C-alpha atoms as a PDB file:
ATOM      1  CA  UNK A   1     -51.765  10.856 -87.929  1.00  0.00           C
ATOM      2  CA  UNK A   2     -52.686  13.376 -85.247  1.00  0.00           C
ATOM      3  CA  UNK A   3     -56.277  14.572 -85.555  1.00  0.00           C
ATOM      4  CA  UNK A   4     -55.229  18.204 -85.601  1.00  0.00           C
ATOM      5  CA  UNK A   5     -52.267  20.489 -86.009  1.00  0.00           C
ATOM      6  CA  UNK A   6     -50.081  20.846 -82.924  1.00  0.00           C
ATOM      7  CA  UNK A   7     -51.561  23.588 -80.760  1.00  0.00           C
ATOM      8  CA  UNK A   8     -49.944  26.430 -78.867  1.00  0.00           C
ATOM      9  CA  UNK A   9     -50.798  24.647 -75.613  1.00  0.00           C
ATOM     10  CA  UNK A  10     -49.025  21.466 -76.705  1.00  0.00           C
ATOM     11  CA  UNK A  11     -46.005  23.343 -77.986  1.00  0.00           C
ATOM     12  CA  UNK A  12     -45.802  25.428 -74.816  1.00  0.00           C
ATOM     13  CA  UNK A  13     -45.701  22.239 -72.717  1.00  0.00           C
ATOM     14  CA  UNK A  14     -42.818  20.960 -74.861  1.00  0.00           C
ATOM     15  CA  UNK A  15     -40.891  24.228 -74.446  1.00  0.00           C
ATOM     16  CA  UNK A  16     -41.466  24.336 -70.685  1.00  0.00           C
ATOM     17  CA  UNK A  17     -40.447  20.709 -70.180  1.00  0.00           C
ATOM     18  CA  UNK A  18     -37.384  20.780 -72.418  1.00  0.00           C
ATOM     19  CA  UNK A  19     -36.234  24.424 -72.147  1.00  0.00           C
ATOM     20  CA  UNK A  20     -36.120  24.432 -75.945  1.00  0.00           C
ATOM     21  CA  UNK A  21     -35.338  27.701 -77.729  1.00  0.00           C
ATOM     22  CA  UNK A  22     -36.877  28.003 -81.193  1.00  0.00           C
ATOM     23  CA  UNK A  23     -35.062  28.997 -84.369  1.00  0.00           C
ATOM     24  CA  UNK A  24     -36.501  32.508 -84.546  1.00  0.00           C
ATOM     25  CA  UNK A  25     -35.672  33.178 -80.897  1.00  0.00           C
ATOM     26  CA  UNK A  26     -32.048  32.577 -81.888  1.00  0.00           C
ATOM     27  CA  UNK A  27     -32.349  34.641 -85.074  1.00  0.00           C
ATOM     28  CA  UNK A  28     -32.388  38.441 -84.750  1.00  0.00           C
ATOM     29  CA  UNK A  29     -34.250  38.701 -88.067  1.00  0.00           C
ATOM     30  CA  UNK A  30     -37.340  36.948 -86.694  1.00  0.00           C
ATOM     31  CA  UNK A  31     -40.113  35.073 -88.528  1.00  0.00           C
ATOM     32  CA  UNK A  32     -42.022  36.162 -91.636  1.00  0.00           C
ATOM     33  CA  UNK A  33     -45.324  37.997 -91.157  1.00  0.00           C
ATOM     34  CA  UNK A  34     -47.819  38.721 -93.913  1.00  0.00           C
ATOM     35  CA  UNK A  35     -48.259  42.495 -94.237  1.00  0.00           C
ATOM     36  CA  UNK A  36     -49.898  44.812 -96.745  1.00  0.00           C
ATOM     37  CA  UNK A  37     -46.520  44.902 -98.481  1.00  0.00           C
ATOM     38  CA  UNK A  38     -46.154  41.130 -98.604  1.00  0.00           C
ATOM     39  CA  UNK A  39     -44.051  38.835 -96.430  1.00  0.00           C
ATOM     40  CA  UNK A  40     -41.734  40.745 -94.095  1.00  0.00           C
ATOM     41  CA  UNK A  41     -39.440  39.512 -91.325  1.00  0.00           C
ATOM     42  CA  UNK A  42     -40.339  40.851 -87.870  1.00  0.00           C
ATOM     43  CA  UNK A  43     -37.492  41.011 -85.394  1.00  0.00           C
ATOM     44  CA  UNK A  44     -38.374  39.834 -81.890  1.00  0.00           C
ATOM     45  CA  UNK A  45     -41.546  37.966 -82.865  1.00  0.00           C
ATOM     46  CA  UNK A  46     -41.810  34.338 -81.712  1.00  0.00           C
ATOM     47  CA  UNK A  47     -44.359  31.518 -81.545  1.00  0.00           C
ATOM     48  CA  UNK A  48     -45.641  32.921 -78.227  1.00  0.00           C
ATOM     49  CA  UNK A  49     -45.986  36.563 -79.313  1.00  0.00           C
ATOM     50  CA  UNK A  50     -48.804  37.914 -81.459  1.00  0.00           C
ATOM     51  CA  UNK A  51     -48.238  37.637 -85.224  1.00  0.00           C
ATOM     52  CA  UNK A  52     -50.566  40.570 -85.875  1.00  0.00           C
ATOM     53  CA  UNK A  53     -53.683  38.729 -84.677  1.00  0.00           C
ATOM     54  CA  UNK A  54     -54.810  37.154 -81.409  1.00  0.00           C
ATOM     55  CA  UNK A  55     -54.265  33.488 -80.635  1.00  0.00           C
ATOM     56  CA  UNK A  56     -55.074  31.288 -77.643  1.00  0.00           C
ATOM     57  CA  UNK A  57     -54.133  27.763 -76.588  1.00  0.00           C
ATOM     58  CA  UNK A  58     -56.688  26.225 -78.970  1.00  0.00           C
ATOM     59  CA  UNK A  59     -54.995  27.708 -82.025  1.00  0.00           C
ATOM     60  CA  UNK A  60     -52.322  25.903 -84.052  1.00  0.00           C
ATOM     61  CA  UNK A  61     -48.798  26.914 -83.140  1.00  0.00           C
ATOM     62  CA  UNK A  62     -47.177  29.027 -85.856  1.00  0.00           C
ATOM     63  CA  UNK A  63     -43.858  30.798 -86.379  1.00  0.00           C
ATOM     64  CA  UNK A  64     -42.065  27.476 -85.870  1.00  0.00           C
ATOM     65  CA  UNK A  65     -39.402  26.167 -88.224  1.00  0.00           C
ATOM     66  CA  UNK A  66     -38.854  22.686 -89.620  1.00  0.00           C
ATOM     67  CA  UNK A  67     -36.032  22.328 -87.071  1.00  0.00           C
ATOM     68  CA  UNK A  68     -38.468  23.223 -84.274  1.00  0.00           C
ATOM     69  CA  UNK A  69     -41.067  20.733 -85.492  1.00  0.00           C
ATOM     70  CA  UNK A  70     -38.489  17.940 -85.609  1.00  0.00           C
ATOM     71  CA  UNK A  71     -37.287  18.834 -82.113  1.00  0.00           C
ATOM     72  CA  UNK A  72     -40.865  18.536 -80.851  1.00  0.00           C
ATOM     73  CA  UNK A  73     -41.176  15.087 -82.467  1.00  0.00           C
ATOM     74  CA  UNK A  74     -37.867  13.911 -80.956  1.00  0.00           C
ATOM     75  CA  UNK A  75     -38.904  15.097 -77.492  1.00  0.00           C
ATOM     76  CA  UNK A  76     -42.341  13.481 -77.824  1.00  0.00           C
ATOM     77  CA  UNK A  77     -40.764  10.187 -78.916  1.00  0.00           C
ATOM     78  CA  UNK A  78     -38.458  10.155 -75.901  1.00  0.00           C
ATOM     79  CA  UNK A  79     -41.455  10.487 -73.553  1.00  0.00           C
ATOM     80  CA  UNK A  80     -43.428   7.570 -75.002  1.00  0.00           C
ATOM     81  CA  UNK A  81     -43.117   4.022 -76.298  1.00  0.00           C
ATOM     82  CA  UNK A  82     -43.714   5.152 -79.871  1.00  0.00           C
ATOM     83  CA  UNK A  83     -41.711   7.062 -82.435  1.00  0.00           C
ATOM     84  CA  UNK A  84     -43.218  10.348 -83.558  1.00  0.00           C
ATOM     85  CA  UNK A  85     -42.150  12.214 -86.673  1.00  0.00           C
ATOM     86  CA  UNK A  86     -43.299  14.684 -89.263  1.00  0.00           C
ATOM     87  CA  UNK A  87     -45.334  12.871 -91.923  1.00  0.00           C
ATOM     88  CA  UNK A  88     -43.776  12.133 -95.264  1.00  0.00           C
ATOM     89  CA  UNK A  89     -45.326  13.956 -98.181  1.00  0.00           C
ATOM     90  CA  UNK A  90     -46.941  10.713 -99.351  1.00  0.00           C
ATOM     91  CA  UNK A  91     -48.398   9.980 -95.906  1.00  0.00           C
ATOM     92  CA  UNK A  92     -49.657  13.545 -95.589  1.00  0.00           C
ATOM     93  CA  UNK A  93     -51.406  13.499 -98.971  1.00  0.00           C
ATOM     94  CA  UNK A  94     -52.928  10.056 -98.302  1.00  0.00           C
ATOM     95  CA  UNK A  95     -54.368  11.389 -95.032  1.00  0.00           C
ATOM     96  CA  UNK A  96     -55.557  14.598 -96.661  1.00  0.00           C
ATOM     97  CA  UNK A  97     -57.288  12.870 -99.567  1.00  0.00           C
ATOM     98  CA  UNK A  98     -59.010  10.398 -97.226  1.00  0.00           C
ATOM     99  CA  UNK A  99     -59.887   8.059-100.062  1.00  0.00           C
ATOM    100  CA  UNK A 100     -60.692  10.739-102.657  1.00  0.00           C
ATOM    101  CA  UNK A 101     -59.046  11.594-105.976  1.00  0.00           C
ATOM    102  CA  UNK A 102     -60.601  15.038-106.469  1.00  0.00           C
ATOM    103  CA  UNK A 103     -58.969  18.466-106.078  1.00  0.00           C
ATOM    104  CA  UNK A 104     -60.043  18.605-102.428  1.00  0.00           C
ATOM    105  CA  UNK A 105     -61.258  15.846-100.112  1.00  0.00           C
ATOM    106  CA  UNK A 106     -64.810  17.234-100.373  1.00  0.00           C
ATOM    107  CA  UNK A 107     -66.804  19.063-103.034  1.00  0.00           C
ATOM    108  CA  UNK A 108     -65.759  22.674-103.603  1.00  0.00           C
ATOM    109  CA  UNK A 109     -69.120  23.869-102.299  1.00  0.00           C
ATOM    110  CA  UNK A 110     -68.421  22.124 -98.964  1.00  0.00           C
ATOM    111  CA  UNK A 111     -64.941  23.540 -98.421  1.00  0.00           C
ATOM    112  CA  UNK A 112     -66.113  26.434 -96.239  1.00  0.00           C
ATOM    113  CA  UNK A 113     -67.460  23.873 -93.779  1.00  0.00           C
ATOM    114  CA  UNK A 114     -64.136  21.995 -93.723  1.00  0.00           C
ATOM    115  CA  UNK A 115     -61.405  24.604 -94.049  1.00  0.00           C
ATOM    116  CA  UNK A 116     -60.220  28.045 -92.972  1.00  0.00           C
ATOM    117  CA  UNK A 117     -58.909  30.079 -95.916  1.00  0.00           C
ATOM    118  CA  UNK A 118     -58.841  33.681 -97.107  1.00  0.00           C
ATOM    119  CA  UNK A 119     -62.593  34.011 -97.655  1.00  0.00           C
ATOM    120  CA  UNK A 120     -63.685  32.898 -94.164  1.00  0.00           C
ATOM    121  CA  UNK A 121     -60.700  33.089 -91.780  1.00  0.00           C
ATOM    122  CA  UNK A 122     -60.952  36.825 -90.947  1.00  0.00           C
ATOM    123  CA  UNK A 123     -57.238  37.101 -91.734  1.00  0.00           C
ATOM    124  CA  UNK A 124     -56.010  34.862 -88.920  1.00  0.00           C
ATOM    125  CA  UNK A 125     -55.657  31.323 -87.616  1.00  0.00           C
ATOM    126  CA  UNK A 126     -58.654  29.741 -85.925  1.00  0.00           C
ATOM    127  CA  UNK A 127     -58.998  27.076 -83.201  1.00  0.00           C
ATOM    128  CA  UNK A 128     -58.218  23.548 -84.364  1.00  0.00           C
ATOM    129  CA  UNK A 129     -61.163  21.171 -84.824  1.00  0.00           C
ATOM    130  CA  UNK A 130     -63.568  24.079 -85.339  1.00  0.00           C
ATOM    131  CA  UNK A 131     -64.410  22.904 -88.858  1.00  0.00           C
ATOM    132  CA  UNK A 132     -65.671  19.499 -90.010  1.00  0.00           C
ATOM    133  CA  UNK A 133     -63.251  16.554 -90.215  1.00  0.00           C
ATOM    134  CA  UNK A 134     -62.471  14.620 -93.392  1.00  0.00           C
ATOM    135  CA  UNK A 135     -63.461  10.984 -93.997  1.00  0.00           C
ATOM    136  CA  UNK A 136     -60.509   9.790 -91.893  1.00  0.00           C
ATOM    137  CA  UNK A 137     -61.556  11.928 -88.909  1.00  0.00           C
ATOM    138  CA  UNK A 138     -58.732  14.454 -89.426  1.00  0.00           C
ATOM    139  CA  UNK A 139     -59.268  18.191 -89.005  1.00  0.00           C
ATOM    140  CA  UNK A 140     -57.747  21.131 -90.896  1.00  0.00           C
ATOM    141  CA  UNK A 141     -55.923  19.046 -93.493  1.00  0.00           C
ATOM    142  CA  UNK A 142     -57.038  21.840 -95.817  1.00  0.00           C
ATOM    143  CA  UNK A 143     -56.306  25.360 -94.571  1.00  0.00           C
ATOM    144  CA  UNK A 144     -55.835  27.051 -91.180  1.00  0.00           C
ATOM    145  CA  UNK A 145     -52.033  26.645 -91.372  1.00  0.00           C
ATOM    146  CA  UNK A 146     -49.645  25.013 -93.812  1.00  0.00           C
ATOM    147  CA  UNK A 147     -47.938  21.934 -92.355  1.00  0.00           C
ATOM    148  CA  UNK A 148     -44.286  20.920 -92.486  1.00  0.00           C
ATOM    149  CA  UNK A 149     -43.513  17.481 -93.937  1.00  0.00           C
ATOM    150  CA  UNK A 150     -40.409  15.353 -93.457  1.00  0.00           C
ATOM    151  CA  UNK A 151     -39.329  15.373 -97.110  1.00  0.00           C
ATOM    152  CA  UNK A 152     -36.670  17.556 -98.640  1.00  0.00           C
ATOM    153  CA  UNK A 153     -37.652  19.413-101.785  1.00  0.00           C
ATOM    154  CA  UNK A 154     -36.160  18.024-104.984  1.00  0.00           C
ATOM    155  CA  UNK A 155     -35.951  21.563-106.365  1.00  0.00           C
ATOM    156  CA  UNK A 156     -32.839  23.549-105.431  1.00  0.00           C
ATOM    157  CA  UNK A 157     -32.868  27.341-105.489  1.00  0.00           C
ATOM    158  CA  UNK A 158     -29.431  28.236-106.771  1.00  0.00           C
ATOM    159  CA  UNK A 159     -28.025  31.730-106.507  1.00  0.00           C
ATOM    160  CA  UNK A 160     -26.017  32.148-109.694  1.00  0.00           C
ATOM    161  CA  UNK A 161     -23.887  34.839-108.009  1.00  0.00           C
ATOM    162  CA  UNK A 162     -22.915  32.598-105.104  1.00  0.00           C
ATOM    163  CA  UNK A 163     -20.275  29.893-104.910  1.00  0.00           C
ATOM    164  CA  UNK A 164     -22.060  28.308-101.945  1.00  0.00           C
ATOM    165  CA  UNK A 165     -24.242  25.280-102.602  1.00  0.00           C
ATOM    166  CA  UNK A 166     -27.926  25.798-101.767  1.00  0.00           C
ATOM    167  CA  UNK A 167     -29.129  24.519 -98.414  1.00  0.00           C
ATOM    168  CA  UNK A 168     -31.757  21.821 -98.076  1.00  0.00           C
ATOM    169  CA  UNK A 169     -35.354  22.961 -98.230  1.00  0.00           C
ATOM    170  CA  UNK A 170     -38.333  21.083 -96.815  1.00  0.00           C
ATOM    171  CA  UNK A 171     -41.846  20.672 -98.115  1.00  0.00           C
ATOM    172  CA  UNK A 172     -45.039  21.906 -96.510  1.00  0.00           C
ATOM    173  CA  UNK A 173     -48.611  21.142 -97.507  1.00  0.00           C
ATOM    174  CA  UNK A 174     -52.259  22.043 -96.960  1.00  0.00           C
ATOM    175  CA  UNK A 175     -52.605  25.758 -97.527  1.00  0.00           C
ATOM    176  CA  UNK A 176     -53.454  28.301 -94.829  1.00  0.00           C
ATOM    177  CA  UNK A 177     -55.749  31.034 -93.533  1.00  0.00           C
ATOM    178  CA  UNK A 178     -54.374  33.574 -96.034  1.00  0.00           C
ATOM    179  CA  UNK A 179     -54.539  31.396 -99.167  1.00  0.00           C
ATOM    180  CA  UNK A 180     -57.105  31.279-101.920  1.00  0.00           C
ATOM    181  CA  UNK A 181     -59.024  28.029-102.205  1.00  0.00           C
ATOM    182  CA  UNK A 182     -56.858  26.894-105.123  1.00  0.00           C
ATOM    183  CA  UNK A 183     -53.826  26.617-102.843  1.00  0.00           C
ATOM    184  CA  UNK A 184     -55.657  24.275-100.467  1.00  0.00           C
ATOM    185  CA  UNK A 185     -55.776  21.454-103.038  1.00  0.00           C
ATOM    186  CA  UNK A 186     -54.754  18.003-101.791  1.00  0.00           C
ATOM    187  CA  UNK A 187     -51.815  18.036-104.242  1.00  0.00           C
ATOM    188  CA  UNK A 188     -50.682  21.626-103.604  1.00  0.00           C
ATOM    189  CA  UNK A 189     -47.129  21.916-102.248  1.00  0.00           C
ATOM    190  CA  UNK A 190     -44.413  24.426-101.383  1.00  0.00           C
ATOM    191  CA  UNK A 191     -41.071  24.405 -99.599  1.00  0.00           C
ATOM    192  CA  UNK A 192     -38.720  26.500 -97.491  1.00  0.00           C
ATOM    193  CA  UNK A 193     -35.419  26.416 -95.627  1.00  0.00           C
ATOM    194  CA  UNK A 194     -35.423  24.448 -92.332  1.00  0.00           C
ATOM    195  CA  UNK A 195     -34.907  27.471 -90.079  1.00  0.00           C
ATOM    196  CA  UNK A 196     -37.568  29.654 -91.716  1.00  0.00           C
ATOM    197  CA  UNK A 197     -40.715  30.344 -89.678  1.00  0.00           C
ATOM    198  CA  UNK A 198     -43.892  32.060 -90.866  1.00  0.00           C
ATOM    199  CA  UNK A 199     -47.206  33.235 -89.432  1.00  0.00           C
ATOM    200  CA  UNK A 200     -49.133  30.733 -91.559  1.00  0.00           C
ATOM    201  CA  UNK A 201     -46.964  27.650 -91.048  1.00  0.00           C
ATOM    202  CA  UNK A 202     -47.246  24.938 -88.379  1.00  0.00           C
ATOM    203  CA  UNK A 203     -47.212  21.140 -88.275  1.00  0.00           C
ATOM    204  CA  UNK A 204     -48.900  17.913 -87.167  1.00  0.00           C
ATOM    205  CA  UNK A 205     -47.245  14.645 -86.142  1.00  0.00           C
ATOM    206  CA  UNK A 206     -47.353  11.033 -87.244  1.00  0.00           C
ATOM    207  CA  UNK A 207     -46.951   8.069 -84.872  1.00  0.00           C
ATOM    208  CA  UNK A 208     -44.760   5.375 -86.388  1.00  0.00           C
ATOM    209  CA  UNK A 209     -46.087   2.021 -85.155  1.00  0.00           C
ATOM    210  CA  UNK A 210     -44.716  -1.370 -86.197  1.00  0.00           C
ATOM    211  CA  UNK A 211     -47.473  -3.547 -87.641  1.00  0.00           C
ATOM    212  CA  UNK A 212     -46.350  -6.597 -85.639  1.00  0.00           C
ATOM    213  CA  UNK A 213     -47.072  -4.728 -82.393  1.00  0.00           C
ATOM    214  CA  UNK A 214     -50.770  -4.482 -83.259  1.00  0.00           C
ATOM    215  CA  UNK A 215     -53.177  -6.993 -81.778  1.00  0.00           C
ATOM    216  CA  UNK A 216     -54.665  -9.394 -84.367  1.00  0.00           C
ATOM    217  CA  UNK A 217     -58.022  -8.536 -82.805  1.00  0.00           C
END
């Protein structure tokens, strides 16, 4: 599991090397931004334009869809000897819990030292690895940005007035800078359509390594 969420610098390198165009750059409606009136789509906004707060290369990339995250993983895999993918929900939660069975991977009183959420984030993302890591050495598993997972949601959102079957929706985990502490629980989960992008949603990657390739030493 990558130590941190994919950063703007890493995502920019991917875009420059592959000439990739993200979902919201192809969608005139744009990504969702959190406003005083709730979540609103902002036409013309992209991962590289301000979402209402400043970001630099140390910040997690946001306003990227599940499709974008998978494209990054495919590109990364093609450049290396390993296969990279979004983590499954089970793998993500195992990494987040880091051997614990409590609501969070640390005591509630220690969460401010481990996570960015609505009470300490100043209403924005913050640089990755700027809080303490969990017992597995992973940063920001709680908070900063929610993280896409590979799994499809088992819950379909049907429109009773439509004859069109609902599209697949994908899970994301971890909670974000705008969430209350409750939503940062290790078991907390939500889901969205694969082309949706939001100002509190990013991703991290998992390297898939065959056990028989590891040295017995």
